[in-house]
Amino acid sequence: MNPSRLWPMAIVGVLAITVGANAWILYEANRDPNATAMEPDYYRKAVAWDTTMAQEDRDAALGWRLDARPAAYDPAGTPIAVTLADRDGAPLPGARVTITALHNLEGGRTVTGAGTTGPDGRVVIRLGLRRTGLWELRFETERGADRFTAVLHRDVDTAR
């Protein structure tokens, strides 16, 4: 083959390889839906930043204490024992507790559950967690006119 015809084919070949490599990188980058979903509805939360800070002030003024202890992982629903107390440690019965759980590997997928605390300020909520590991548990608690929020990080393991 004549060398004067070879270099244009080489340029076309290099361009074809570049386009193919870019298409493959684009496919790989968009294959996992959780790779780009770090925070669900992040824009709305960013716009409402002042409201979030005001809620943190109300949380501090209430002085409520919330604790959560997940039991061993269960694919049918992992029980999470939630305890709610006032600033003096007295139980808070009749509070509506909502949990939104996010796993570190699946930021785009949330699991939600709710329950009402009993006379001892405790409630067990079963969540359909998809895996073990570190979970971020976001709590919204309402009792009468009071609203309290908390965020806890808990490890869910196969044995407790």
Protein backbone atom coordinates (compact mmCIF):
# COMPACT_ATOMS: atom_id res chain seq x y z
CA MET A 1 0.00 0.00 0.00
CA ASN A 2 1.16 3.49 -0.83
CA PRO A 3 2.39 5.42 2.31
CA SER A 4 0.58 8.57 1.15
CA ARG A 5 -2.74 6.73 1.61
CA LEU A 6 -1.78 5.11 4.93
CA TRP A 7 -1.57 8.23 7.13
CA PRO A 8 -5.22 9.35 6.49
CA MET A 9 -6.42 5.87 7.52
CA ALA A 10 -4.24 6.08 10.64
CA ILE A 11 -5.86 9.41 11.61
CA VAL A 12 -9.35 8.00 11.04
CA GLY A 13 -8.40 4.94 13.12
CA VAL A 14 -7.12 7.05 16.03
CA LEU A 15 -10.31 9.17 15.96
CA ALA A 16 -12.48 6.02 15.90
CA ILE A 17 -10.61 4.61 18.91
CA THR A 18 -11.05 7.92 20.78
CA VAL A 19 -14.79 8.04 20.09
CA GLY A 20 -15.15 4.39 21.12
CA ALA A 21 -13.19 4.94 24.37
CA ASN A 22 -15.30 8.00 25.25
CA ALA A 23 -18.52 6.09 24.59
CA TRP A 24 -17.32 3.26 26.86
CA ILE A 25 -16.36 5.71 29.66
CA LEU A 26 -19.76 7.43 29.39
CA TYR A 27 -21.52 4.06 29.62
CA GLU A 28 -19.50 2.98 32.67
CA ALA A 29 -20.01 6.32 34.44
CA ASN A 30 -23.80 6.14 34.05
CA ARG A 31 -24.28 2.40 34.60
CA ASP A 32 -24.63 2.63 38.41
CA PRO A 33 -27.60 4.84 39.39
CA ASN A 34 -26.11 5.36 42.87
CA ALA A 35 -22.83 6.78 41.61
CA THR A 36 -24.32 10.23 41.10
CA ALA A 37 -26.99 10.15 43.82
CA MET A 38 -25.13 11.31 46.88
CA GLU A 39 -28.05 13.09 48.52
CA PRO A 40 -31.69 12.63 47.54
CA ASP A 41 -33.36 15.93 46.63
CA TYR A 42 -30.20 17.89 47.46
CA TYR A 43 -31.28 21.08 45.68
CA ARG A 44 -34.46 21.46 47.75
CA LYS A 45 -32.44 20.88 50.91
CA ALA A 46 -29.87 23.47 49.89
CA VAL A 47 -32.55 26.07 49.24
CA ALA A 48 -34.13 25.30 52.64
CA TRP A 49 -30.85 25.66 54.56
CA ASP A 50 -32.21 28.44 56.82
CA THR A 51 -35.17 26.25 57.73
CA THR A 52 -32.80 23.39 58.58
CA MET A 53 -30.74 25.65 60.85
CA ALA A 54 -33.90 26.94 62.55
CA GLN A 55 -34.99 23.33 63.18
CA GLU A 56 -31.59 22.57 64.74
CA ASP A 57 -32.15 25.50 67.12
CA ARG A 58 -35.60 24.13 68.04
CA ASP A 59 -34.07 20.68 68.57
CA ALA A 60 -31.51 22.15 70.96
CA ALA A 61 -34.21 24.11 72.81
CA LEU A 62 -36.33 20.97 73.26
CA GLY A 63 -33.34 19.01 74.53
CA TRP A 64 -34.84 15.65 73.60
CA ARG A 65 -32.57 12.63 73.41
CA LEU A 66 -33.04 9.98 70.77
CA ASP A 67 -31.15 6.72 70.52
CA ALA A 68 -31.49 3.88 68.03
CA ARG A 69 -30.15 0.35 68.24
CA PRO A 70 -30.52 -1.90 65.20
CA ALA A 71 -30.85 -5.63 65.82
CA ALA A 72 -29.12 -8.18 63.60
CA TYR A 73 -29.73 -7.80 59.88
CA ASP A 74 -32.87 -9.57 58.71
CA PRO A 75 -33.80 -9.55 54.98
CA ALA A 76 -37.47 -9.70 55.99
CA GLY A 77 -37.10 -6.46 57.98
CA THR A 78 -34.41 -5.37 60.41
CA PRO A 79 -35.83 -4.21 63.75
CA ILE A 80 -34.53 -0.88 65.01
CA ALA A 81 -35.26 -0.06 68.67
CA VAL A 82 -35.74 3.68 69.14
CA THR A 83 -35.78 5.34 72.55
CA LEU A 84 -36.98 8.92 73.01
CA ALA A 85 -36.57 10.90 76.23
CA ASP A 86 -36.84 14.52 77.31
CA ARG A 87 -33.95 16.62 78.59
CA ASP A 88 -34.29 15.09 82.09
CA GLY A 89 -34.29 11.51 80.78
CA ALA A 90 -38.03 10.95 81.25
CA PRO A 91 -39.63 8.86 78.47
CA LEU A 92 -41.73 10.61 75.84
CA PRO A 93 -44.79 8.44 75.08
CA GLY A 94 -47.08 9.03 72.12
CA ALA A 95 -44.45 10.54 69.82
CA ARG A 96 -44.67 9.71 66.12
CA VAL A 97 -41.18 8.63 64.94
CA THR A 98 -40.29 8.43 61.24
CA ILE A 99 -36.97 6.95 60.10
CA THR A 100 -35.39 7.48 56.70
CA ALA A 101 -32.38 5.20 56.23
CA LEU A 102 -29.60 5.60 53.65
CA HIS A 103 -26.76 3.14 53.13
CA ASN A 104 -23.35 4.56 52.29
CA LEU A 105 -23.20 2.49 49.09
CA GLU A 106 -26.71 3.40 47.91
CA GLY A 107 -27.18 7.13 48.45
CA GLY A 108 -29.95 7.25 45.86
CA ARG A 109 -32.13 4.67 47.61
CA THR A 110 -33.84 5.31 50.90
CA VAL A 111 -35.85 3.07 53.20
CA THR A 112 -38.57 4.58 55.38
CA GLY A 113 -40.50 3.37 58.40
CA ALA A 114 -42.59 4.87 61.19
CA GLY A 115 -44.05 4.07 64.58
CA THR A 116 -45.34 5.63 67.81
CA THR A 117 -43.51 5.46 71.12
CA GLY A 118 -45.14 3.54 73.96
CA PRO A 119 -45.39 4.51 77.64
CA ASP A 120 -41.68 3.75 78.10
CA GLY A 121 -40.69 6.10 75.24
CA ARG A 122 -39.64 3.16 73.06
CA VAL A 123 -40.74 1.89 69.68
CA VAL A 124 -39.38 -0.87 67.44
CA ILE A 125 -39.57 -0.09 63.73
CA ARG A 126 -38.81 -2.75 61.12
CA LEU A 127 -37.01 -1.50 58.04
CA GLY A 128 -36.49 -3.44 54.82
CA LEU A 129 -32.75 -2.84 54.69
CA ARG A 130 -31.06 -4.35 51.65
CA ARG A 131 -27.62 -4.94 53.14
CA THR A 132 -25.42 -4.85 56.19
CA GLY A 133 -22.94 -2.06 56.88
CA LEU A 134 -23.06 1.57 57.93
CA TRP A 135 -26.45 3.27 57.65
CA GLU A 136 -27.38 6.90 58.15
CA LEU A 137 -30.65 7.07 60.08
CA ARG A 138 -32.57 10.34 59.81
CA PHE A 139 -35.33 10.82 62.35
CA GLU A 140 -38.33 13.14 62.35
CA THR A 141 -40.28 13.02 65.58
CA GLU A 142 -43.57 14.78 66.32
CA ARG A 143 -45.34 14.95 69.65
CA GLY A 144 -48.17 17.44 69.93
CA ALA A 145 -46.92 20.74 68.50
CA ASP A 146 -43.26 19.80 69.00
CA ARG A 147 -41.09 18.56 66.15
CA PHE A 148 -37.64 17.08 66.73
CA THR A 149 -35.06 15.84 64.23
CA ALA A 150 -31.88 13.81 64.63
CA VAL A 151 -29.34 12.03 62.45
CA LEU A 152 -27.49 8.94 63.70
CA HIS A 153 -25.03 6.60 62.04
CA ARG A 154 -25.40 2.95 62.97
CA ASP A 155 -23.74 -0.23 61.82
CA VAL A 156 -26.09 -3.07 60.89
CA ASP A 157 -24.39 -6.45 61.19
CA THR A 158 -25.48 -10.05 60.71
CA ALA A 159 -24.99 -10.97 64.38
CA ARG A 160 -25.59 -9.00 67.54
